[in-house]
């Protein structure tokens, strides 16, 4: 008898995290908050991958391996995003998304 946490609890957690991240990415104007929100959405996807890896029709370790690769890509994305943000801040002296129109000039 399995008395562990059901898959629906993991999926509900991932749904809540993804919705919070989506809300932050669409409504906030601070670039740092938007980057954090995107990372939150990626973590929700990783929770789904691990959940379906464990509770899927054919449980295997494939979802967990894919999650590790996704986490590596997310870490690289975060470092590149922060480097671009620091560069833009040095030039514009702001982290407001509405004022990041450097390509228009």
Protein backbone atom coordinates (compact mmCIF):
# COMPACT_ATOMS: atom_id res chain seq x y z
CA UNK A 1 0.00 0.00 0.00
CA UNK A 2 1.45 3.33 -1.12
CA UNK A 3 0.75 6.10 1.40
CA UNK A 4 2.96 8.69 -0.30
CA UNK A 5 1.99 12.04 -1.72
CA UNK A 6 -0.45 11.66 -4.65
CA UNK A 7 0.38 12.96 -8.12
CA UNK A 8 -2.45 15.49 -7.92
CA UNK A 9 -0.68 17.29 -5.06
CA UNK A 10 2.48 17.70 -7.16
CA UNK A 11 0.44 18.86 -10.14
CA UNK A 12 -1.48 21.35 -8.01
CA UNK A 13 1.80 22.74 -6.65
CA UNK A 14 3.17 23.08 -10.17
CA UNK A 15 -0.02 24.80 -11.29
CA UNK A 16 0.14 27.31 -8.45
CA UNK A 17 3.83 28.04 -9.08
CA UNK A 18 3.26 28.45 -12.80
CA UNK A 19 0.32 30.81 -12.27
CA UNK A 20 2.31 32.95 -9.82
CA UNK A 21 5.20 33.09 -12.29
CA UNK A 22 2.91 33.95 -15.19
CA UNK A 23 1.27 36.71 -13.18
CA UNK A 24 4.67 38.15 -12.26
CA UNK A 25 5.99 37.96 -15.80
CA UNK A 26 2.94 39.67 -17.31
CA UNK A 27 2.22 42.37 -14.74
CA UNK A 28 5.49 43.49 -13.19
CA UNK A 29 7.69 46.19 -14.75
CA UNK A 30 10.92 45.38 -12.90
CA UNK A 31 13.22 43.26 -15.05
CA UNK A 32 14.63 41.34 -12.08
CA UNK A 33 11.11 40.35 -10.96
CA UNK A 34 10.26 39.24 -14.51
CA UNK A 35 13.40 37.04 -14.64
CA UNK A 36 12.53 35.52 -11.26
CA UNK A 37 8.97 34.88 -12.48
CA UNK A 38 10.28 33.08 -15.56
CA UNK A 39 12.49 30.91 -13.37
CA UNK A 40 9.45 30.12 -11.22
CA UNK A 41 7.56 28.99 -14.31
CA UNK A 42 10.50 26.80 -15.38
CA UNK A 43 10.58 25.20 -11.92
CA UNK A 44 6.87 24.43 -12.21
CA UNK A 45 7.56 22.66 -15.50
CA UNK A 46 10.37 20.71 -13.84
CA UNK A 47 7.98 19.58 -11.10
CA UNK A 48 5.60 18.34 -13.79
CA UNK A 49 8.40 16.45 -15.56
CA UNK A 50 9.48 14.68 -12.38
CA UNK A 51 5.85 13.95 -11.42
CA UNK A 52 5.04 12.33 -14.74
CA UNK A 53 8.37 10.53 -14.65
CA UNK A 54 7.37 8.92 -11.36
CA UNK A 55 3.60 8.50 -11.80
CA UNK A 56 3.32 8.12 -15.59
CA UNK A 57 2.07 5.11 -17.51
CA UNK A 58 5.62 3.78 -17.78
CA UNK A 59 7.57 5.13 -14.79
CA UNK A 60 11.19 5.74 -15.69
CA UNK A 61 14.03 8.13 -14.99
CA UNK A 62 13.70 9.95 -18.34
CA UNK A 63 11.75 12.89 -16.91
CA UNK A 64 14.28 13.36 -14.14
CA UNK A 65 17.17 13.38 -16.61
CA UNK A 66 15.34 15.87 -18.81
CA UNK A 67 14.74 18.00 -15.70
CA UNK A 68 18.46 18.08 -14.98
CA UNK A 69 19.15 19.32 -18.51
CA UNK A 70 16.35 21.89 -18.19
CA UNK A 71 17.85 23.14 -14.93
CA UNK A 72 21.26 23.52 -16.59
CA UNK A 73 19.72 25.49 -19.46
CA UNK A 74 17.76 27.61 -16.96
CA UNK A 75 20.95 28.42 -15.06
CA UNK A 76 22.67 29.49 -18.28
CA UNK A 77 19.60 31.55 -19.24
CA UNK A 78 19.58 33.27 -15.86
CA UNK A 79 23.26 34.16 -16.05
CA UNK A 80 22.94 35.55 -19.59
CA UNK A 81 19.79 37.44 -18.63
CA UNK A 82 21.46 39.00 -15.60
CA UNK A 83 24.52 39.93 -17.67
CA UNK A 84 22.29 41.69 -20.21
CA UNK A 85 20.39 43.37 -17.39
CA UNK A 86 23.60 44.67 -15.78
CA UNK A 87 24.78 45.99 -19.14
CA UNK A 88 21.49 47.77 -19.75
CA UNK A 89 21.50 49.17 -16.23
CA UNK A 90 24.95 50.64 -16.74
CA UNK A 91 23.76 52.40 -19.89
CA UNK A 92 20.21 53.40 -18.89
CA UNK A 93 20.44 53.58 -15.06
CA UNK A 94 17.10 51.77 -14.73
CA UNK A 95 15.72 48.24 -14.60
CA UNK A 96 12.19 49.24 -15.68
CA UNK A 97 11.03 47.20 -18.68
CA UNK A 98 9.12 50.12 -20.19
CA UNK A 99 12.35 52.09 -20.56
CA UNK A 100 14.33 49.26 -22.18
CA UNK A 101 13.88 50.40 -25.78
CA UNK A 102 17.54 50.58 -26.76
CA UNK A 103 16.88 48.85 -30.10
CA UNK A 104 14.50 51.61 -31.21
CA UNK A 105 17.24 54.26 -31.46
